[in-house]
N, C-alpha and C. Protein backbone atom coordinates (compact mmCIF):
# COMPACT_ATOMS: atom_id res chain seq x y z
N MET A 1 168.72 59.44 226.76
CA MET A 1 169.46 58.83 227.82
C MET A 1 170.30 57.70 227.26
N ASN A 2 171.46 57.61 227.80
CA ASN A 2 172.40 56.58 227.37
C ASN A 2 172.47 55.51 228.45
N PHE A 3 171.79 54.39 228.21
CA PHE A 3 171.76 53.32 229.21
C PHE A 3 172.98 52.41 229.12
N GLN A 4 173.82 52.55 228.11
CA GLN A 4 174.97 51.68 227.90
C GLN A 4 176.25 52.47 228.10
N ARG A 5 176.42 53.09 229.25
CA ARG A 5 177.59 53.93 229.49
C ARG A 5 178.88 53.15 229.57
N GLY A 6 178.91 52.09 230.17
CA GLY A 6 180.16 51.37 230.37
C GLY A 6 180.53 50.46 229.19
N GLN A 7 179.62 50.22 228.29
CA GLN A 7 179.91 49.32 227.18
C GLN A 7 180.33 50.12 225.96
N GLN A 8 181.37 49.65 225.34
CA GLN A 8 181.82 50.31 224.10
C GLN A 8 181.25 49.55 222.92
N ARG A 9 180.89 50.28 221.91
CA ARG A 9 180.35 49.65 220.70
C ARG A 9 181.50 49.20 219.82
N ASP A 10 181.40 48.00 219.30
CA ASP A 10 182.39 47.52 218.36
C ASP A 10 182.14 48.17 217.00
N GLU A 11 183.22 48.61 216.39
CA GLU A 11 183.12 49.21 215.08
C GLU A 11 182.84 48.11 214.05
N PRO A 12 181.94 48.33 213.12
CA PRO A 12 181.67 47.31 212.10
C PRO A 12 182.89 47.15 211.17
N GLU A 13 183.16 45.91 210.81
CA GLU A 13 184.29 45.61 209.93
C GLU A 13 183.77 44.95 208.66
N ILE A 14 184.47 45.19 207.60
CA ILE A 14 184.15 44.53 206.33
C ILE A 14 185.06 43.33 206.22
N ASN A 15 184.45 42.17 206.10
CA ASN A 15 185.22 40.94 205.97
C ASN A 15 185.60 40.78 204.49
N LEU A 16 186.87 40.86 204.17
CA LEU A 16 187.33 40.83 202.78
C LEU A 16 187.47 39.42 202.21
N ILE A 17 187.56 38.42 203.02
CA ILE A 17 187.82 37.06 202.53
C ILE A 17 186.70 36.57 201.62
N PRO A 18 185.42 36.68 201.97
CA PRO A 18 184.38 36.23 201.03
C PRO A 18 184.38 37.03 199.72
N MET A 19 184.69 38.32 199.81
CA MET A 19 184.73 39.14 198.60
C MET A 19 185.88 38.68 197.68
N ILE A 20 187.01 38.36 198.25
CA ILE A 20 188.15 37.87 197.45
C ILE A 20 187.80 36.53 196.83
N ASP A 21 187.13 35.65 197.57
CA ASP A 21 186.72 34.35 197.03
C ASP A 21 185.80 34.52 195.82
N VAL A 22 184.84 35.43 195.92
CA VAL A 22 183.92 35.67 194.81
C VAL A 22 184.67 36.23 193.61
N LEU A 23 185.58 37.15 193.82
CA LEU A 23 186.34 37.72 192.70
C LEU A 23 187.22 36.67 192.03
N LEU A 24 187.81 35.77 192.82
CA LEU A 24 188.62 34.70 192.22
C LEU A 24 187.77 33.75 191.38
N VAL A 25 186.57 33.44 191.85
CA VAL A 25 185.67 32.58 191.08
C VAL A 25 185.28 33.27 189.77
N ILE A 26 184.99 34.55 189.81
CA ILE A 26 184.66 35.29 188.60
C ILE A 26 185.85 35.33 187.65
N LEU A 27 187.05 35.55 188.18
CA LEU A 27 188.24 35.57 187.35
C LEU A 27 188.48 34.22 186.68
N ILE A 28 188.34 33.14 187.42
CA ILE A 28 188.53 31.80 186.84
C ILE A 28 187.47 31.55 185.78
N PHE A 29 186.23 31.94 186.04
CA PHE A 29 185.16 31.76 185.05
C PHE A 29 185.49 32.51 183.76
N LEU A 30 185.95 33.73 183.86
CA LEU A 30 186.28 34.51 182.67
C LEU A 30 187.46 33.91 181.92
N MET A 31 188.44 33.40 182.64
CA MET A 31 189.61 32.81 181.98
C MET A 31 189.23 31.54 181.24
N VAL A 32 188.34 30.75 181.79
CA VAL A 32 187.94 29.49 181.17
C VAL A 32 187.05 29.72 179.96
N THR A 33 186.18 30.70 180.02
CA THR A 33 185.22 30.90 178.94
C THR A 33 185.70 31.83 177.84
N THR A 34 186.81 32.48 178.00
CA THR A 34 187.31 33.40 176.99
C THR A 34 187.98 32.63 175.86
N THR A 35 187.70 33.03 174.63
CA THR A 35 188.39 32.45 173.48
C THR A 35 189.53 33.38 173.11
N TYR A 36 190.63 32.82 172.75
CA TYR A 36 191.81 33.60 172.42
C TYR A 36 192.07 33.49 170.93
N ALA A 37 192.07 34.59 170.24
CA ALA A 37 192.41 34.65 168.83
C ALA A 37 193.70 35.44 168.71
N LYS A 38 194.66 34.88 168.00
CA LYS A 38 195.98 35.52 167.93
C LYS A 38 195.95 36.84 167.18
N PHE A 39 195.36 36.85 166.00
CA PHE A 39 195.50 38.02 165.15
C PHE A 39 194.18 38.68 164.78
N SER A 40 193.07 38.24 165.34
CA SER A 40 191.79 38.75 164.88
C SER A 40 191.56 40.20 165.28
N GLU A 41 192.13 40.67 166.35
CA GLU A 41 191.86 42.02 166.81
C GLU A 41 193.09 42.92 166.78
N LEU A 42 194.19 42.45 166.25
CA LEU A 42 195.41 43.24 166.28
C LEU A 42 195.50 44.19 165.09
N GLN A 43 195.83 45.41 165.37
CA GLN A 43 196.13 46.37 164.32
C GLN A 43 197.65 46.53 164.29
N ILE A 44 198.27 46.06 163.23
CA ILE A 44 199.73 46.01 163.17
C ILE A 44 200.22 46.92 162.07
N ASN A 45 201.20 47.73 162.38
CA ASN A 45 201.91 48.51 161.37
C ASN A 45 203.25 47.81 161.15
N LEU A 46 203.41 47.24 159.98
CA LEU A 46 204.62 46.48 159.69
C LEU A 46 205.79 47.42 159.43
N PRO A 47 206.99 46.98 159.78
CA PRO A 47 208.17 47.82 159.52
C PRO A 47 208.42 47.95 158.02
N GLN A 48 209.11 49.01 157.66
CA GLN A 48 209.41 49.25 156.26
C GLN A 48 210.91 49.08 156.03
N ALA A 49 211.23 48.66 154.82
CA ALA A 49 212.63 48.49 154.45
C ALA A 49 212.79 48.96 153.01
N ALA A 50 213.98 49.40 152.69
CA ALA A 50 214.26 49.88 151.35
C ALA A 50 215.17 48.90 150.61
N GLY A 51 214.93 47.63 150.77
CA GLY A 51 215.75 46.63 150.11
C GLY A 51 215.27 46.35 148.70
N GLU A 52 216.11 45.70 147.94
CA GLU A 52 215.76 45.33 146.59
C GLU A 52 215.03 44.00 146.60
N GLN A 53 214.15 43.82 145.61
CA GLN A 53 213.47 42.55 145.49
C GLN A 53 214.44 41.53 144.90
N SER A 54 214.22 40.32 145.30
CA SER A 54 215.06 39.24 144.80
C SER A 54 214.83 39.07 143.30
N LYS A 55 215.92 38.94 142.55
CA LYS A 55 215.81 38.80 141.11
C LYS A 55 215.39 37.40 140.72
N ASP A 56 215.78 36.42 141.51
CA ASP A 56 215.42 35.04 141.19
C ASP A 56 214.28 34.60 142.10
N LYS A 57 213.10 34.55 141.51
CA LYS A 57 211.93 34.10 142.25
C LYS A 57 211.91 32.58 142.25
N PRO A 58 211.40 31.98 143.31
CA PRO A 58 211.30 30.52 143.29
C PRO A 58 210.27 30.08 142.25
N ALA A 59 210.47 28.91 141.74
CA ALA A 59 209.54 28.38 140.75
C ALA A 59 208.17 28.23 141.39
N GLN A 60 207.13 28.42 140.60
CA GLN A 60 205.78 28.37 141.13
C GLN A 60 204.92 27.48 140.24
N VAL A 61 204.13 26.64 140.88
CA VAL A 61 203.18 25.79 140.17
C VAL A 61 201.79 26.15 140.66
N ASN A 62 200.90 26.50 139.74
CA ASN A 62 199.53 26.85 140.08
C ASN A 62 198.64 25.63 139.88
N VAL A 63 197.95 25.27 140.95
CA VAL A 63 197.01 24.14 140.90
C VAL A 63 195.62 24.71 141.13
N ALA A 64 194.73 24.49 140.16
CA ALA A 64 193.36 24.97 140.27
C ALA A 64 192.44 23.79 140.53
N VAL A 65 191.51 23.99 141.47
CA VAL A 65 190.52 22.96 141.79
C VAL A 65 189.15 23.62 141.68
N ASP A 66 188.28 23.04 140.81
CA ASP A 66 186.95 23.64 140.68
C ASP A 66 185.96 22.94 141.60
N ALA A 67 184.72 23.41 141.58
CA ALA A 67 183.70 22.90 142.49
C ALA A 67 183.37 21.43 142.21
N ALA A 68 183.59 20.98 140.98
CA ALA A 68 183.29 19.59 140.62
C ALA A 68 184.43 18.65 140.97
N GLY A 69 185.55 19.17 141.43
CA GLY A 69 186.68 18.32 141.79
C GLY A 69 187.64 18.07 140.65
N ASN A 70 187.61 18.89 139.61
CA ASN A 70 188.55 18.78 138.49
C ASN A 70 189.81 19.57 138.82
N TYR A 71 190.96 19.07 138.35
CA TYR A 71 192.25 19.67 138.66
C TYR A 71 192.91 20.20 137.40
N GLN A 72 193.60 21.34 137.54
CA GLN A 72 194.45 21.88 136.49
C GLN A 72 195.78 22.26 137.11
N ILE A 73 196.86 21.85 136.47
CA ILE A 73 198.20 22.21 136.92
C ILE A 73 198.83 23.08 135.84
N ASN A 74 199.10 24.35 136.17
CA ASN A 74 199.63 25.32 135.21
C ASN A 74 198.81 25.32 133.93
N ASP A 75 197.50 25.45 134.05
CA ASP A 75 196.54 25.54 132.93
C ASP A 75 196.47 24.28 132.09
N THR A 76 196.95 23.17 132.61
CA THR A 76 196.84 21.88 131.92
C THR A 76 195.93 20.98 132.76
N THR A 77 194.85 20.51 132.15
CA THR A 77 193.90 19.67 132.88
C THR A 77 194.52 18.32 133.18
N VAL A 78 194.36 17.89 134.45
CA VAL A 78 194.90 16.61 134.89
C VAL A 78 193.73 15.77 135.37
N SER A 79 193.63 14.55 134.84
CA SER A 79 192.56 13.67 135.31
C SER A 79 193.04 13.00 136.60
N PHE A 80 192.20 13.06 137.61
CA PHE A 80 192.58 12.52 138.91
C PHE A 80 192.05 11.10 139.04
N SER A 81 192.98 10.15 139.18
CA SER A 81 192.58 8.78 139.46
C SER A 81 193.03 8.39 140.87
N ASN A 82 194.21 8.86 141.25
CA ASN A 82 194.69 8.67 142.62
C ASN A 82 195.74 9.72 142.92
N ILE A 83 196.19 9.75 144.15
CA ILE A 83 197.14 10.77 144.58
C ILE A 83 198.49 10.59 143.90
N ALA A 84 198.86 9.36 143.59
CA ALA A 84 200.16 9.11 142.95
C ALA A 84 200.25 9.77 141.58
N THR A 85 199.18 9.71 140.80
CA THR A 85 199.21 10.34 139.47
C THR A 85 199.27 11.86 139.60
N LEU A 86 198.56 12.41 140.58
CA LEU A 86 198.61 13.85 140.82
C LEU A 86 200.00 14.26 141.29
N SER A 87 200.62 13.41 142.11
CA SER A 87 201.98 13.67 142.58
C SER A 87 202.98 13.67 141.43
N GLU A 88 202.83 12.72 140.51
CA GLU A 88 203.72 12.67 139.34
C GLU A 88 203.55 13.93 138.48
N ALA A 89 202.32 14.39 138.32
CA ALA A 89 202.07 15.59 137.52
C ALA A 89 202.69 16.81 138.20
N LEU A 90 202.63 16.89 139.53
CA LEU A 90 203.25 18.00 140.25
C LEU A 90 204.77 17.95 140.14
N THR A 91 205.35 16.77 140.23
CA THR A 91 206.79 16.62 140.09
C THR A 91 207.25 17.06 138.70
N LYS A 92 206.47 16.67 137.69
CA LYS A 92 206.79 17.05 136.31
C LYS A 92 206.69 18.57 136.14
N ALA A 93 205.67 19.18 136.73
CA ALA A 93 205.48 20.62 136.61
C ALA A 93 206.55 21.40 137.36
N ALA A 94 207.07 20.82 138.45
CA ALA A 94 208.10 21.50 139.25
C ALA A 94 209.49 21.34 138.66
N ASN A 95 209.66 20.52 137.64
CA ASN A 95 210.96 20.28 136.98
C ASN A 95 212.03 19.82 137.97
N GLY A 96 211.62 19.07 138.98
CA GLY A 96 212.59 18.52 139.93
C GLY A 96 213.17 19.51 140.92
N LYS A 97 212.62 20.70 141.01
CA LYS A 97 213.11 21.71 141.96
C LYS A 97 212.35 21.57 143.28
N PRO A 98 213.03 21.20 144.36
CA PRO A 98 212.31 20.99 145.62
C PRO A 98 211.83 22.27 146.30
N ASP A 99 212.34 23.43 145.90
CA ASP A 99 211.91 24.68 146.53
C ASP A 99 210.76 25.34 145.76
N THR A 100 210.12 24.59 144.89
CA THR A 100 208.99 25.11 144.12
C THR A 100 207.82 25.40 145.05
N VAL A 101 207.15 26.53 144.81
CA VAL A 101 205.99 26.91 145.60
C VAL A 101 204.73 26.44 144.89
N ILE A 102 203.89 25.70 145.61
CA ILE A 102 202.61 25.24 145.07
C ILE A 102 201.55 26.25 145.51
N THR A 103 200.85 26.85 144.55
CA THR A 103 199.76 27.77 144.85
C THR A 103 198.45 27.07 144.51
N ILE A 104 197.63 26.87 145.52
CA ILE A 104 196.36 26.18 145.33
C ILE A 104 195.26 27.23 145.16
N ASN A 105 194.63 27.20 143.99
CA ASN A 105 193.50 28.07 143.69
C ASN A 105 192.25 27.21 143.72
N ALA A 106 191.61 27.13 144.86
CA ALA A 106 190.44 26.26 145.01
C ALA A 106 189.17 27.09 144.96
N ASP A 107 188.17 26.57 144.27
CA ASP A 107 186.86 27.20 144.24
C ASP A 107 186.28 27.19 145.66
N ALA A 108 185.49 28.20 145.98
CA ALA A 108 184.90 28.28 147.32
C ALA A 108 183.98 27.10 147.60
N LYS A 109 183.43 26.51 146.56
CA LYS A 109 182.53 25.38 146.75
C LYS A 109 183.22 24.04 146.51
N ALA A 110 184.53 24.05 146.32
CA ALA A 110 185.28 22.80 146.14
C ALA A 110 185.28 22.04 147.46
N THR A 111 185.30 20.73 147.35
CA THR A 111 185.29 19.92 148.57
C THR A 111 186.63 20.01 149.28
N HIS A 112 186.57 19.83 150.57
CA HIS A 112 187.77 19.84 151.39
C HIS A 112 188.72 18.72 150.95
N GLN A 113 188.15 17.58 150.57
CA GLN A 113 188.95 16.44 150.15
C GLN A 113 189.75 16.76 148.88
N SER A 114 189.20 17.55 147.98
CA SER A 114 189.92 17.92 146.76
C SER A 114 191.19 18.70 147.09
N VAL A 115 191.09 19.62 148.04
CA VAL A 115 192.25 20.41 148.43
C VAL A 115 193.26 19.54 149.18
N ILE A 116 192.78 18.65 150.03
CA ILE A 116 193.67 17.74 150.76
C ILE A 116 194.39 16.81 149.79
N ASN A 117 193.73 16.41 148.70
CA ASN A 117 194.39 15.57 147.69
C ASN A 117 195.59 16.29 147.09
N VAL A 118 195.44 17.58 146.79
CA VAL A 118 196.56 18.35 146.24
C VAL A 118 197.68 18.46 147.27
N MET A 119 197.34 18.72 148.51
CA MET A 119 198.36 18.85 149.56
C MET A 119 199.10 17.52 149.78
N GLU A 120 198.37 16.42 149.77
CA GLU A 120 199.00 15.10 149.94
C GLU A 120 199.89 14.76 148.74
N ALA A 121 199.43 15.09 147.53
CA ALA A 121 200.25 14.84 146.34
C ALA A 121 201.52 15.67 146.38
N ALA A 122 201.42 16.91 146.83
CA ALA A 122 202.61 17.76 146.94
C ALA A 122 203.58 17.19 147.97
N ARG A 123 203.06 16.69 149.07
CA ARG A 123 203.93 16.09 150.09
C ARG A 123 204.65 14.88 149.53
N GLU A 124 203.93 14.03 148.80
CA GLU A 124 204.56 12.85 148.21
C GLU A 124 205.60 13.23 147.16
N ALA A 125 205.39 14.35 146.49
CA ALA A 125 206.34 14.81 145.48
C ALA A 125 207.54 15.52 146.10
N GLY A 126 207.50 15.75 147.42
CA GLY A 126 208.61 16.43 148.10
C GLY A 126 208.52 17.94 148.02
N LEU A 127 207.36 18.45 147.67
CA LEU A 127 207.14 19.89 147.56
C LEU A 127 206.41 20.35 148.83
N VAL A 128 207.12 21.02 149.70
CA VAL A 128 206.55 21.36 151.00
C VAL A 128 206.14 22.82 151.12
N ARG A 129 206.41 23.63 150.13
CA ARG A 129 206.05 25.05 150.18
C ARG A 129 204.70 25.21 149.47
N ILE A 130 203.64 25.36 150.28
CA ILE A 130 202.28 25.43 149.75
C ILE A 130 201.65 26.74 150.21
N THR A 131 200.94 27.39 149.31
CA THR A 131 200.21 28.60 149.65
C THR A 131 198.83 28.52 148.99
N PHE A 132 197.89 29.28 149.53
CA PHE A 132 196.54 29.30 149.00
C PHE A 132 196.24 30.67 148.42
N ALA A 133 195.60 30.69 147.27
CA ALA A 133 195.21 31.94 146.66
C ALA A 133 193.78 32.28 147.10
N THR A 134 193.57 33.54 147.43
CA THR A 134 192.24 34.01 147.80
C THR A 134 191.95 35.28 147.03
N GLN A 135 190.74 35.71 147.11
CA GLN A 135 190.40 37.00 146.51
C GLN A 135 189.75 37.85 147.58
N GLN A 136 189.90 39.14 147.43
CA GLN A 136 189.39 40.06 148.41
C GLN A 136 187.91 40.28 148.16
N GLY A 137 187.15 40.28 149.22
CA GLY A 137 185.72 40.51 149.08
C GLY A 137 185.07 40.57 150.44
N GLU A 138 183.76 40.72 150.44
CA GLU A 138 183.01 40.78 151.70
C GLU A 138 182.81 39.39 152.25
N LEU A 139 182.95 39.26 153.57
CA LEU A 139 182.64 38.00 154.23
C LEU A 139 181.15 37.91 154.43
N LYS A 140 180.61 36.75 154.18
CA LYS A 140 179.16 36.58 154.33
C LYS A 140 178.88 35.59 155.43
């Protein structure tokens, strides 16, 4: 028996506003906690060109830093007393060419300060093109 003949039943509705609020909170949480790395996950195929290599390479100065903090510039040992003396040795090795590339070959156990000393000496010498040499191997 239907005792509610004259009354119509309201259809149930899904209220979307609380669901949207929860999704926005989740989205904000994910945006805040995500770390962004530029190149760590990118697989890039570089374009190819059939150009000739430059015949005149820029001058290069190799600076080696060992774990004990000893310096060598182009296989010549340099005693480090301050950054000014290291800067003078770099200027002498670069033969006054400001476009000389400084390649820093630092031991993995060399102190951070030793590498910064070379970079600061290069800056004082006016040599702004610096690169670091690494070797290929397994990351530990």
